[in-house]
Structures are given as structure tokens and as C-alpha cells.
Amino acid sequence: MDNKKKNNATKTVLVISTGFVIVYFATQWQWALIVSAVIGLLGIFSNYLCQKIDFLWLKFAWLLGLIIPNILLGIVFYFFLFPVSLLSKLFENKDPLHLKNTDKSVFINVERDFEKSSFEKAW
């Protein structure tokens, strides 16, 4: 067994156990302290179970990685971007992209003097 992989599994078990201790201190739920002790002891005494706990934890993190970003992006869209867009449409009378096509042409006359330096660095 690779020592680095064993070390990462041990760190994962330690972090999970510490997380349950923090949950216990925040909520005073007794089951969190019991789960923390059980996971910590399993990680200490059995390398096989330590690897299995690490595997399950990483699969759980992968699953959350599929779900949580969609929820967060949905919240940002519906609670921030959508109301801003509605307010913009309510209070804005302009058509900056000329999407309504009210003109005969989309050509815009620009009446200004061009100099040689205007064409040197276009981008």
C-alpha cells in the first residue's frame, strides 16, 4: 500500500471525526460525538476500514460536487440576475443591440475625425 494514500486516508478520517466533534459542540447532539468516536477509532485500528471510509467520503464529495453547483447557480440566477434583468427591462427604453429592427438599415453613421493613430493598434 502506498504510504501517501494511507496518509491521505488517515487525514480524511481525522477531518471527518473533527467535523462531527464541531457539530457536537455547535448543537449538543450526542450522536455526533458517538459517530466521531466510532469513525476515529475505526480509522486508527483498521487500515482497511480507513481506506473504505476515505473512499466513501470521496464518492460523497463527488456526488455533492454534481449537485451543489447547480443549486448555487440556480439561486444566483433566480434571486439576483433575473430581478436585475426585470428591473432593467422596466426602466430601460433603449434598444442598444437594435433587436427590434425599426430602422431601414443597421448602419450607424459615426461623424468624427479619424487620425492615423486610430488605425495603428486596432486591438
Protein backbone atom coordinates (compact mmCIF):
# COMPACT_ATOMS: atom_id res chain seq x y z
CA MET A 1 0.00 0.00 0.00
CA ASP A 2 1.26 3.44 -0.91
CA ASN A 3 2.24 5.46 2.18
CA LYS A 4 0.92 8.70 0.68
CA LYS A 5 -2.51 7.14 0.03
CA LYS A 6 -2.61 5.76 3.58
CA ASN A 7 -1.66 9.16 4.96
CA ASN A 8 -4.41 10.87 2.94
CA ALA A 9 -6.97 8.33 4.14
CA THR A 10 -5.89 8.92 7.74
CA LYS A 11 -6.19 12.68 7.26
CA THR A 12 -9.65 12.25 5.75
CA VAL A 13 -10.82 10.17 8.72
CA LEU A 14 -9.34 12.75 11.09
CA VAL A 15 -11.16 15.58 9.30
CA ILE A 16 -14.47 13.69 9.35
CA SER A 17 -14.08 12.93 13.03
CA THR A 18 -13.19 16.56 13.81
CA GLY A 19 -16.20 17.73 11.79
CA PHE A 20 -18.54 15.61 13.90
CA VAL A 21 -16.94 16.98 17.09
CA ILE A 22 -17.59 20.51 15.81
CA VAL A 23 -21.20 19.54 15.06
CA TYR A 24 -21.47 18.24 18.64
CA PHE A 25 -20.16 21.49 20.12
CA ALA A 26 -22.44 23.59 17.93
CA THR A 27 -25.64 21.60 18.51
CA GLN A 28 -25.01 19.41 21.60
CA TRP A 29 -26.26 16.35 19.70
CA GLN A 30 -24.88 13.26 21.44
CA TRP A 31 -24.98 11.12 18.31
CA ALA A 32 -22.41 13.41 16.62
CA LEU A 33 -19.91 12.73 19.40
CA ILE A 34 -20.55 8.97 19.19
CA VAL A 35 -20.14 8.96 15.39
CA SER A 36 -16.92 10.97 15.75
CA ALA A 37 -15.50 8.46 18.22
CA VAL A 38 -16.51 5.45 16.12
CA ILE A 39 -15.05 6.86 12.89
CA GLY A 40 -11.87 7.94 14.68
CA LEU A 41 -11.37 4.53 16.28
CA LEU A 42 -12.09 2.67 13.03
CA GLY A 43 -9.53 4.87 11.26
CA ILE A 44 -6.90 4.27 13.92
CA PHE A 45 -7.24 0.49 14.33
CA SER A 46 -8.04 -0.70 10.80
CA ASN A 47 -6.21 0.42 7.69
CA TYR A 48 -8.76 -1.40 5.53
CA LEU A 49 -11.71 0.43 7.10
CA CYS A 50 -9.76 3.67 6.98
CA GLN A 51 -9.38 3.23 3.21
CA LYS A 52 -13.09 2.36 2.85
CA ILE A 53 -14.15 5.45 4.85
CA ASP A 54 -11.88 7.58 2.66
CA PHE A 55 -13.35 6.01 -0.50
CA LEU A 56 -16.94 6.59 0.65
CA TRP A 57 -16.16 10.15 1.69
CA LEU A 58 -14.61 10.98 -1.69
CA LYS A 59 -17.60 9.44 -3.52
CA PHE A 60 -19.94 11.52 -1.33
CA ALA A 61 -17.90 14.65 -2.14
CA TRP A 62 -18.06 13.79 -5.85
CA LEU A 63 -21.86 13.42 -5.62
CA LEU A 64 -22.17 16.76 -3.82
CA GLY A 65 -19.93 18.29 -6.48
CA LEU A 66 -22.52 17.30 -9.07
CA ILE A 67 -25.50 18.71 -7.15
CA ILE A 68 -24.42 21.78 -5.17
CA PRO A 69 -23.05 23.96 -8.04
CA ASN A 70 -26.37 23.62 -9.88
CA ILE A 71 -28.28 24.68 -6.77
CA LEU A 72 -25.98 27.65 -6.14
CA LEU A 73 -26.12 28.79 -9.76
CA GLY A 74 -29.92 28.49 -9.71
CA ILE A 75 -30.12 30.60 -6.56
CA VAL A 76 -27.82 33.24 -8.04
CA PHE A 77 -29.83 33.30 -11.26
CA TYR A 78 -33.33 33.47 -9.77
CA PHE A 79 -32.57 35.74 -6.81
CA PHE A 80 -30.04 38.11 -8.40
CA LEU A 81 -29.77 38.04 -12.19
CA PHE A 82 -33.46 37.55 -13.01
CA PRO A 83 -34.68 40.51 -10.84
CA VAL A 84 -31.91 42.73 -12.23
CA SER A 85 -32.97 41.80 -15.75
CA LEU A 86 -36.63 42.58 -14.98
CA LEU A 87 -35.72 45.95 -13.48
CA SER A 88 -33.54 46.71 -16.46
CA LYS A 89 -36.37 45.95 -18.85
CA LEU A 90 -38.84 48.01 -16.82
CA PHE A 91 -36.73 51.15 -16.59
CA GLU A 92 -34.80 50.99 -19.87
CA ASN A 93 -36.40 52.24 -23.10
CA LYS A 94 -33.36 51.89 -25.31
CA ASP A 95 -32.60 49.09 -27.71
CA PRO A 96 -28.78 49.06 -27.69
CA LEU A 97 -28.46 45.91 -29.78
CA HIS A 98 -31.08 47.07 -32.32
CA LEU A 99 -33.05 43.89 -31.87
CA LYS A 100 -36.41 45.47 -32.67
CA ASN A 101 -35.22 46.36 -36.19
CA THR A 102 -37.16 49.62 -36.51
CA ASP A 103 -34.63 51.25 -38.84
CA LYS A 104 -34.25 50.61 -42.55
CA SER A 105 -30.56 49.88 -42.08
CA VAL A 106 -28.30 48.72 -39.27
CA PHE A 107 -25.53 51.01 -40.47
CA ILE A 108 -24.58 53.64 -37.87
CA ASN A 109 -23.10 56.90 -39.03
CA VAL A 110 -20.10 57.95 -36.99
CA GLU A 111 -19.23 61.57 -37.51
CA ARG A 112 -15.79 62.16 -36.10
CA ASP A 113 -12.36 62.80 -37.45
CA PHE A 114 -10.10 59.81 -37.82
CA GLU A 115 -6.38 60.12 -37.43
CA LYS A 116 -3.56 57.86 -38.50
CA SER A 117 -3.10 56.61 -34.89
CA SER A 118 -6.71 55.32 -34.91
CA PHE A 119 -5.75 52.57 -37.36
CA GLU A 120 -2.38 51.53 -35.91
CA LYS A 121 -3.43 49.38 -32.96
CA ALA A 122 -6.94 48.16 -33.71
CA TRP A 123 -6.99 45.73 -30.81
